[in-house]
Structure formats: structure tokens, C-alpha cells
Amino acid sequence: MDNETKQILDDHEKRIRALEGVFKSEPQKGKKQISIKEFLLSKKPKDDVQRTLVICYYLEKHRGMSSFNSKDIEESFRDAKEKVPDNVNYKAILNIKSGYMMEAKEKKDKFKAWTLTSTGERFVENDLKKE
């Protein structure tokens, strides 16, 4: 066997050993995602305005949405098995007035969209208590 063939076989052997090591190791256990219902219950919002904010936080932080519109929020209320408030847009406006949300640069699916502010993020993370 010539040196070049031996080198190729040695390289293959190293790669095979590395792959076998991957299959022998224990699979990583992923962290279970919290449901929107569990998240709402953990934050204990006192009214529909706070529930809307908590849902928006969940959409941004747990579902990875960069912005959300009234349809997203209404659907999330249903996912959480919560009564959908009469006017989700108005609940968002109240959160904007409090400084917890702001209008997104672009519309989403032709609807006005919002995103959290850093103040809104901290408010939810602080269990709906001002710092």
C-alpha cells in the first residue's frame, strides 16, 4: 500500500471514530417551552391591558416574533383559552401610553403592528411591578 492510500485510510478512520463518538454520547435534553397559558398564569396580570402586554412579551420572547398585530394577539388569547378583549387595538394603545409598547416601523399583514419597549420588557420580567 502506498503512502497516499495509507494517508487517505487514516483520515477516514479518524472521521469514523469522531462520528461514532457523537452517536455514543447522550442526547442533549432540551428545555421544555412554557405554554402561553402557563406564562400568563405565572405573571398574574390584573386586567386586559396587562394580559395584552404579557401576551405580547410571550410572542416576542418565546415565539420569536419581532412584531405582532391585533390578529396575532387575538389568536394568542384564544391559544391561552382566555376571553379575547373587546378592542385589542385599544389595549395596545394603553400600553403605548404607559411606555410598554411602541408602533413597529412596518405593518404586518397590512395591519398596524407593535413591539415591546425595553421598559415593557422589564415591567413583565419584574412580574408587572414598576422598578
N, C-alpha and C. Protein backbone atom coordinates (compact mmCIF):
# COMPACT_ATOMS: atom_id res chain seq x y z
N MET A 1 0.86 -1.17 0.00
CA MET A 1 0.00 0.00 0.00
C MET A 1 0.91 1.24 0.00
N ASP A 2 0.61 2.17 -0.89
CA ASP A 2 1.46 3.37 -0.97
C ASP A 2 1.07 4.37 0.12
N ASN A 3 1.93 5.37 0.34
CA ASN A 3 1.73 6.36 1.41
C ASN A 3 0.45 7.17 1.23
N GLU A 4 0.12 7.52 0.00
CA GLU A 4 -1.08 8.32 -0.25
C GLU A 4 -2.34 7.55 0.14
N THR A 5 -2.43 6.30 -0.21
CA THR A 5 -3.58 5.46 0.13
C THR A 5 -3.67 5.28 1.64
N LYS A 6 -2.50 5.05 2.27
CA LYS A 6 -2.47 4.89 3.72
C LYS A 6 -2.97 6.17 4.41
N GLN A 7 -2.57 7.34 3.92
CA GLN A 7 -2.99 8.62 4.50
C GLN A 7 -4.51 8.80 4.36
N ILE A 8 -5.04 8.44 3.20
CA ILE A 8 -6.49 8.55 2.98
C ILE A 8 -7.24 7.64 3.94
N LEU A 9 -6.78 6.41 4.11
CA LEU A 9 -7.43 5.46 5.02
C LEU A 9 -7.34 5.94 6.47
N ASP A 10 -6.20 6.50 6.86
CA ASP A 10 -6.04 7.03 8.21
C ASP A 10 -7.02 8.18 8.47
N ASP A 11 -7.14 9.09 7.47
CA ASP A 11 -8.08 10.20 7.59
C ASP A 11 -9.52 9.71 7.75
N HIS A 12 -9.89 8.70 6.96
CA HIS A 12 -11.24 8.12 7.05
C HIS A 12 -11.46 7.49 8.42
N GLU A 13 -10.47 6.82 8.93
CA GLU A 13 -10.57 6.16 10.23
C GLU A 13 -10.82 7.21 11.34
N LYS A 14 -10.11 8.34 11.27
CA LYS A 14 -10.29 9.41 12.26
C LYS A 14 -11.71 9.97 12.19
N ARG A 15 -12.20 10.19 10.98
CA ARG A 15 -13.55 10.73 10.82
C ARG A 15 -14.60 9.75 11.33
N ILE A 16 -14.40 8.47 11.07
CA ILE A 16 -15.35 7.44 11.53
C ILE A 16 -15.37 7.40 13.05
N ARG A 17 -14.20 7.46 13.70
CA ARG A 17 -14.13 7.46 15.17
C ARG A 17 -14.86 8.68 15.74
N ALA A 18 -14.65 9.83 15.12
CA ALA A 18 -15.31 11.05 15.59
C ALA A 18 -16.83 10.91 15.49
N LEU A 19 -17.31 10.37 14.37
CA LEU A 19 -18.75 10.18 14.21
C LEU A 19 -19.30 9.17 15.21
N GLU A 20 -18.57 8.10 15.45
CA GLU A 20 -19.02 7.11 16.42
C GLU A 20 -19.14 7.74 17.80
N GLY A 21 -18.23 8.64 18.13
CA GLY A 21 -18.27 9.34 19.42
C GLY A 21 -19.54 10.17 19.57
N VAL A 22 -19.96 10.77 18.48
CA VAL A 22 -21.18 11.58 18.51
C VAL A 22 -22.38 10.69 18.83
N PHE A 23 -22.45 9.52 18.22
CA PHE A 23 -23.59 8.64 18.42
C PHE A 23 -23.59 7.98 19.80
N LYS A 24 -22.42 7.85 20.42
CA LYS A 24 -22.34 7.23 21.74
C LYS A 24 -22.75 8.19 22.85
N SER A 25 -22.58 9.48 22.62
CA SER A 25 -22.88 10.46 23.67
C SER A 25 -24.38 10.56 23.90
N GLU A 26 -24.75 10.97 25.11
CA GLU A 26 -26.16 11.13 25.47
C GLU A 26 -26.77 12.29 24.69
N PRO A 27 -27.96 12.15 24.20
CA PRO A 27 -28.59 13.28 23.53
C PRO A 27 -28.85 14.40 24.53
N GLN A 28 -28.72 15.63 24.05
CA GLN A 28 -28.97 16.77 24.92
C GLN A 28 -30.46 16.89 25.17
N LYS A 29 -30.78 17.14 26.41
CA LYS A 29 -32.19 17.31 26.77
C LYS A 29 -32.54 18.78 26.64
N GLY A 30 -33.50 19.06 25.78
CA GLY A 30 -33.91 20.43 25.56
C GLY A 30 -34.80 20.92 26.69
N LYS A 31 -34.73 22.20 26.92
CA LYS A 31 -35.59 22.81 27.93
C LYS A 31 -37.00 22.87 27.36
N LYS A 32 -37.96 22.40 28.13
CA LYS A 32 -39.34 22.40 27.66
C LYS A 32 -39.86 23.83 27.61
N GLN A 33 -40.48 24.17 26.51
CA GLN A 33 -41.04 25.50 26.32
C GLN A 33 -42.28 25.67 27.18
N ILE A 34 -42.39 26.81 27.83
CA ILE A 34 -43.57 27.11 28.64
C ILE A 34 -44.72 27.49 27.70
N SER A 35 -45.91 27.04 28.04
CA SER A 35 -47.07 27.38 27.20
C SER A 35 -47.50 28.82 27.50
N ILE A 36 -48.25 29.37 26.58
CA ILE A 36 -48.72 30.74 26.77
C ILE A 36 -49.63 30.82 27.99
N LYS A 37 -50.43 29.80 28.23
CA LYS A 37 -51.32 29.77 29.40
C LYS A 37 -50.50 29.77 30.69
N GLU A 38 -49.49 28.90 30.75
CA GLU A 38 -48.63 28.84 31.93
C GLU A 38 -47.92 30.18 32.16
N PHE A 39 -47.47 30.80 31.07
CA PHE A 39 -46.77 32.08 31.20
C PHE A 39 -47.71 33.15 31.75
N LEU A 40 -48.92 33.21 31.22
CA LEU A 40 -49.91 34.18 31.72
C LEU A 40 -50.18 33.96 33.20
N LEU A 41 -50.39 32.71 33.57
CA LEU A 41 -50.68 32.40 34.98
C LEU A 41 -49.51 32.80 35.89
N SER A 42 -48.29 32.64 35.40
CA SER A 42 -47.12 32.96 36.22
C SER A 42 -46.96 34.45 36.46
N LYS A 43 -47.45 35.28 35.54
CA LYS A 43 -47.29 36.74 35.66
C LYS A 43 -48.45 37.40 36.40
N LYS A 44 -49.59 36.73 36.50
CA LYS A 44 -50.76 37.23 37.23
C LYS A 44 -51.20 38.65 36.81
N PRO A 45 -51.48 38.86 35.53
CA PRO A 45 -51.96 40.18 35.11
C PRO A 45 -53.32 40.48 35.75
N LYS A 46 -53.53 41.77 36.07
CA LYS A 46 -54.76 42.13 36.79
C LYS A 46 -55.90 42.55 35.87
N ASP A 47 -55.61 42.87 34.59
CA ASP A 47 -56.68 43.29 33.68
C ASP A 47 -56.27 42.98 32.24
N ASP A 48 -57.17 43.33 31.31
CA ASP A 48 -56.93 43.01 29.90
C ASP A 48 -55.73 43.77 29.32
N VAL A 49 -55.46 44.96 29.83
CA VAL A 49 -54.31 45.72 29.34
C VAL A 49 -53.02 44.99 29.71
N GLN A 50 -52.91 44.54 30.95
CA GLN A 50 -51.72 43.80 31.37
C GLN A 50 -51.66 42.43 30.68
N ARG A 51 -52.81 41.77 30.51
CA ARG A 51 -52.83 40.48 29.81
C ARG A 51 -52.32 40.65 28.39
N THR A 52 -52.72 41.72 27.73
CA THR A 52 -52.26 42.01 26.37
C THR A 52 -50.75 42.19 26.36
N LEU A 53 -50.22 42.94 27.31
CA LEU A 53 -48.77 43.15 27.39
C LEU A 53 -48.03 41.84 27.63
N VAL A 54 -48.52 41.02 28.54
CA VAL A 54 -47.88 39.74 28.84
C VAL A 54 -47.89 38.83 27.60
N ILE A 55 -49.00 38.81 26.89
CA ILE A 55 -49.10 38.02 25.67
C ILE A 55 -48.11 38.53 24.63
N CYS A 56 -47.99 39.83 24.49
CA CYS A 56 -47.04 40.40 23.53
C CYS A 56 -45.61 40.04 23.91
N TYR A 57 -45.31 40.06 25.19
CA TYR A 57 -43.98 39.65 25.65
C TYR A 57 -43.73 38.20 25.26
N TYR A 58 -44.73 37.36 25.49
CA TYR A 58 -44.60 35.94 25.14
C TYR A 58 -44.35 35.77 23.65
N LEU A 59 -45.09 36.50 22.83
CA LEU A 59 -44.93 36.40 21.38
C LEU A 59 -43.51 36.79 20.96
N GLU A 60 -43.00 37.84 21.58
CA GLU A 60 -41.67 38.33 21.22
C GLU A 60 -40.56 37.42 21.75
N LYS A 61 -40.65 37.03 23.00
CA LYS A 61 -39.55 36.30 23.65
C LYS A 61 -39.62 34.78 23.49
N HIS A 62 -40.81 34.22 23.40
CA HIS A 62 -40.93 32.76 23.34
C HIS A 62 -41.28 32.25 21.94
N ARG A 63 -41.91 33.09 21.15
CA ARG A 63 -42.24 32.66 19.78
C ARG A 63 -41.37 33.36 18.74
N GLY A 64 -40.51 34.27 19.19
CA GLY A 64 -39.55 34.91 18.30
C GLY A 64 -40.12 35.90 17.31
N MET A 65 -41.28 36.46 17.60
CA MET A 65 -41.87 37.46 16.70
C MET A 65 -41.20 38.81 16.93
N SER A 66 -40.80 39.47 15.87
CA SER A 66 -40.19 40.79 16.02
C SER A 66 -41.26 41.87 16.17
N SER A 67 -42.45 41.60 15.67
CA SER A 67 -43.60 42.50 15.87
C SER A 67 -44.86 41.65 15.81
N PHE A 68 -45.95 42.23 16.25
CA PHE A 68 -47.22 41.49 16.31
C PHE A 68 -48.35 42.47 16.04
N ASN A 69 -49.44 41.94 15.48
CA ASN A 69 -50.60 42.78 15.19
C ASN A 69 -51.80 42.29 15.99
N SER A 70 -52.95 42.93 15.79
CA SER A 70 -54.13 42.57 16.56
C SER A 70 -54.54 41.12 16.32
N LYS A 71 -54.36 40.62 15.09
CA LYS A 71 -54.70 39.21 14.80
C LYS A 71 -53.83 38.26 15.62
N ASP A 72 -52.53 38.55 15.70
CA ASP A 72 -51.61 37.71 16.48
C ASP A 72 -52.02 37.69 17.95
N ILE A 73 -52.37 38.86 18.46
CA ILE A 73 -52.73 38.97 19.88
C ILE A 73 -54.04 38.24 20.16
N GLU A 74 -55.05 38.45 19.30
CA GLU A 74 -56.33 37.76 19.48
C GLU A 74 -56.17 36.25 19.42
N GLU A 75 -55.38 35.78 18.47
CA GLU A 75 -55.14 34.33 18.35
C GLU A 75 -54.44 33.79 19.60
N SER A 76 -53.54 34.59 20.16
CA SER A 76 -52.82 34.16 21.36
C SER A 76 -53.74 34.12 22.58
N PHE A 77 -54.69 35.04 22.68
CA PHE A 77 -55.69 34.96 23.75
C PHE A 77 -56.44 33.63 23.64
N ARG A 78 -56.81 33.28 22.42
CA ARG A 78 -57.52 32.01 22.21
C ARG A 78 -56.64 30.81 22.56
N ASP A 79 -55.36 30.87 22.15
CA ASP A 79 -54.41 29.78 22.48
C ASP A 79 -54.31 29.59 23.99
N ALA A 80 -54.39 30.70 24.72
CA ALA A 80 -54.30 30.66 26.18
C ALA A 80 -55.64 30.33 26.83
N LYS A 81 -56.67 30.15 25.99
CA LYS A 81 -58.03 29.87 26.46
C LYS A 81 -58.55 31.00 27.35
N GLU A 82 -58.23 32.22 26.94
CA GLU A 82 -58.68 33.43 27.62
C GLU A 82 -59.68 34.15 26.73
N LYS A 83 -60.62 34.86 27.36
CA LYS A 83 -61.58 35.66 26.60
C LYS A 83 -60.82 36.77 25.87
N VAL A 84 -61.11 36.92 24.59
CA VAL A 84 -60.47 37.97 23.79
C VAL A 84 -61.11 39.30 24.17
N PRO A 85 -60.30 40.30 24.55
CA PRO A 85 -60.88 41.61 24.91
C PRO A 85 -61.63 42.23 23.74
N ASP A 86 -62.56 43.13 24.06
CA ASP A 86 -63.38 43.76 23.04
C ASP A 86 -62.55 44.51 22.00
N ASN A 87 -61.57 45.28 22.42
CA ASN A 87 -60.83 46.09 21.47
C ASN A 87 -59.32 45.95 21.74
N VAL A 88 -58.71 44.98 21.09
CA VAL A 88 -57.29 44.70 21.30
C VAL A 88 -56.44 45.91 20.91
N ASN A 89 -56.83 46.60 19.85
CA ASN A 89 -56.08 47.80 19.43
C ASN A 89 -56.02 48.83 20.56
N TYR A 90 -57.14 49.03 21.24
CA TYR A 90 -57.18 50.00 22.33
C TYR A 90 -56.28 49.55 23.49
N LYS A 91 -56.25 48.25 23.77
CA LYS A 91 -55.37 47.73 24.84
C LYS A 91 -53.91 47.99 24.48
N ALA A 92 -53.58 47.84 23.20
CA ALA A 92 -52.21 48.13 22.75
C ALA A 92 -51.91 49.62 22.92
N ILE A 93 -52.86 50.48 22.57
CA ILE A 93 -52.67 51.93 22.71
C ILE A 93 -52.43 52.31 24.17
N LEU A 94 -53.17 51.69 25.08
CA LEU A 94 -52.96 51.97 26.51
C LEU A 94 -51.56 51.55 26.95
N ASN A 95 -51.07 50.44 26.40
CA ASN A 95 -49.70 50.01 26.71
C ASN A 95 -48.67 50.96 26.10
N ILE A 96 -48.99 51.52 24.94
CA ILE A 96 -48.10 52.51 24.31
C ILE A 96 -48.05 53.76 25.20
N LYS A 97 -49.22 54.21 25.67
CA LYS A 97 -49.28 55.41 26.54
C LYS A 97 -48.49 55.20 27.82
N SER A 98 -48.43 53.95 28.30
CA SER A 98 -47.66 53.65 29.52
C SER A 98 -46.17 53.48 29.22
N GLY A 99 -45.82 53.45 27.94
CA GLY A 99 -44.42 53.31 27.56
C GLY A 99 -43.94 51.87 27.47
N TYR A 100 -44.88 50.91 27.48
CA TYR A 100 -44.51 49.49 27.46
C TYR A 100 -44.42 48.90 26.05
N MET A 101 -45.10 49.54 25.11
CA MET A 101 -45.08 49.09 23.72
C MET A 101 -44.91 50.30 22.82
N MET A 102 -44.55 50.03 21.57
CA MET A 102 -44.46 51.11 20.58
C MET A 102 -44.86 50.54 19.23
N GLU A 103 -45.23 51.44 18.34
CA GLU A 103 -45.62 51.00 17.00
C GLU A 103 -44.37 50.53 16.26
N ALA A 104 -44.51 49.42 15.54
CA ALA A 104 -43.40 48.89 14.73
C ALA A 104 -43.22 49.75 13.49
N LYS A 105 -42.04 49.70 12.92
CA LYS A 105 -41.75 50.50 11.71
C LYS A 105 -42.67 50.15 10.56
N GLU A 106 -42.90 48.84 10.40
CA GLU A 106 -43.68 48.38 9.25
C GLU A 106 -44.94 47.65 9.70
N LYS A 107 -45.95 47.70 8.85
CA LYS A 107 -47.18 46.96 9.11
C LYS A 107 -46.90 45.47 8.96
N LYS A 108 -47.76 44.66 9.56
CA LYS A 108 -47.64 43.21 9.45
C LYS A 108 -48.95 42.69 8.88
N ASP A 109 -48.89 42.04 7.74
CA ASP A 109 -50.09 41.54 7.06
C ASP A 109 -51.12 42.66 6.85
N LYS A 110 -50.64 43.83 6.49
CA LYS A 110 -51.46 45.02 6.21
C LYS A 110 -52.14 45.60 7.45
N PHE A 111 -51.77 45.12 8.64
CA PHE A 111 -52.30 45.64 9.89
C PHE A 111 -51.22 46.41 10.62
N LYS A 112 -51.63 47.39 11.42
CA LYS A 112 -50.70 48.10 12.29
C LYS A 112 -50.05 47.07 13.21
N ALA A 113 -48.75 47.20 13.43
CA ALA A 113 -48.03 46.24 14.26
C ALA A 113 -47.30 46.97 15.39
N TRP A 114 -47.02 46.23 16.45
CA TRP A 114 -46.34 46.79 17.62
C TRP A 114 -45.18 45.92 18.03
N THR A 115 -44.37 46.48 18.90
CA THR A 115 -43.26 45.76 19.51
C THR A 115 -43.13 46.26 20.95
N LEU A 116 -42.46 45.51 21.80
CA LEU A 116 -42.25 45.95 23.18
C LEU A 116 -41.15 46.99 23.25
N THR A 117 -41.21 47.82 24.26
CA THR A 117 -40.10 48.70 24.57
C THR A 117 -39.26 48.00 25.64
N SER A 118 -38.08 48.50 25.89
CA SER A 118 -37.26 47.89 26.95
C SER A 118 -37.95 48.08 28.31
N THR A 119 -38.67 49.18 28.47
CA THR A 119 -39.44 49.41 29.70
C THR A 119 -40.52 48.34 29.86
N GLY A 120 -41.19 48.01 28.76
CA GLY A 120 -42.22 46.97 28.79
C GLY A 120 -41.63 45.60 29.11
N GLU A 121 -40.48 45.31 28.53
CA GLU A 121 -39.80 44.03 28.81
C GLU A 121 -39.49 43.92 30.30
N ARG A 122 -38.89 44.98 30.86
CA ARG A 122 -38.52 44.95 32.28
C ARG A 122 -39.75 44.85 33.18
N PHE A 123 -40.83 45.54 32.79
CA PHE A 123 -42.07 45.51 33.58
C PHE A 123 -42.61 44.07 33.67
N VAL A 124 -42.64 43.37 32.56
CA VAL A 124 -43.13 41.99 32.56
C VAL A 124 -42.15 41.10 33.33
N GLU A 125 -40.86 41.27 33.08
CA GLU A 125 -39.85 40.45 33.77
C GLU A 125 -39.87 40.68 35.29
N ASN A 126 -40.31 41.87 35.69
CA ASN A 126 -40.40 42.21 37.11
C ASN A 126 -41.79 41.87 37.68
N ASP A 127 -42.48 40.94 37.03
CA ASP A 127 -43.82 40.48 37.44
C ASP A 127 -44.83 41.62 37.57
N LEU A 128 -44.81 42.51 36.57
CA LEU A 128 -45.78 43.60 36.44
C LEU A 128 -45.72 44.57 37.62
N LYS A 129 -44.51 44.77 38.10
CA LYS A 129 -44.28 45.77 39.16
C LYS A 129 -43.25 46.75 38.63
N LYS A 130 -43.50 48.04 38.89
CA LYS A 130 -42.53 49.05 38.47
C LYS A 130 -41.27 48.91 39.30
N GLU A 131 -40.15 49.19 38.64
CA GLU A 131 -38.86 49.07 39.34
C GLU A 131 -38.67 50.21 40.32
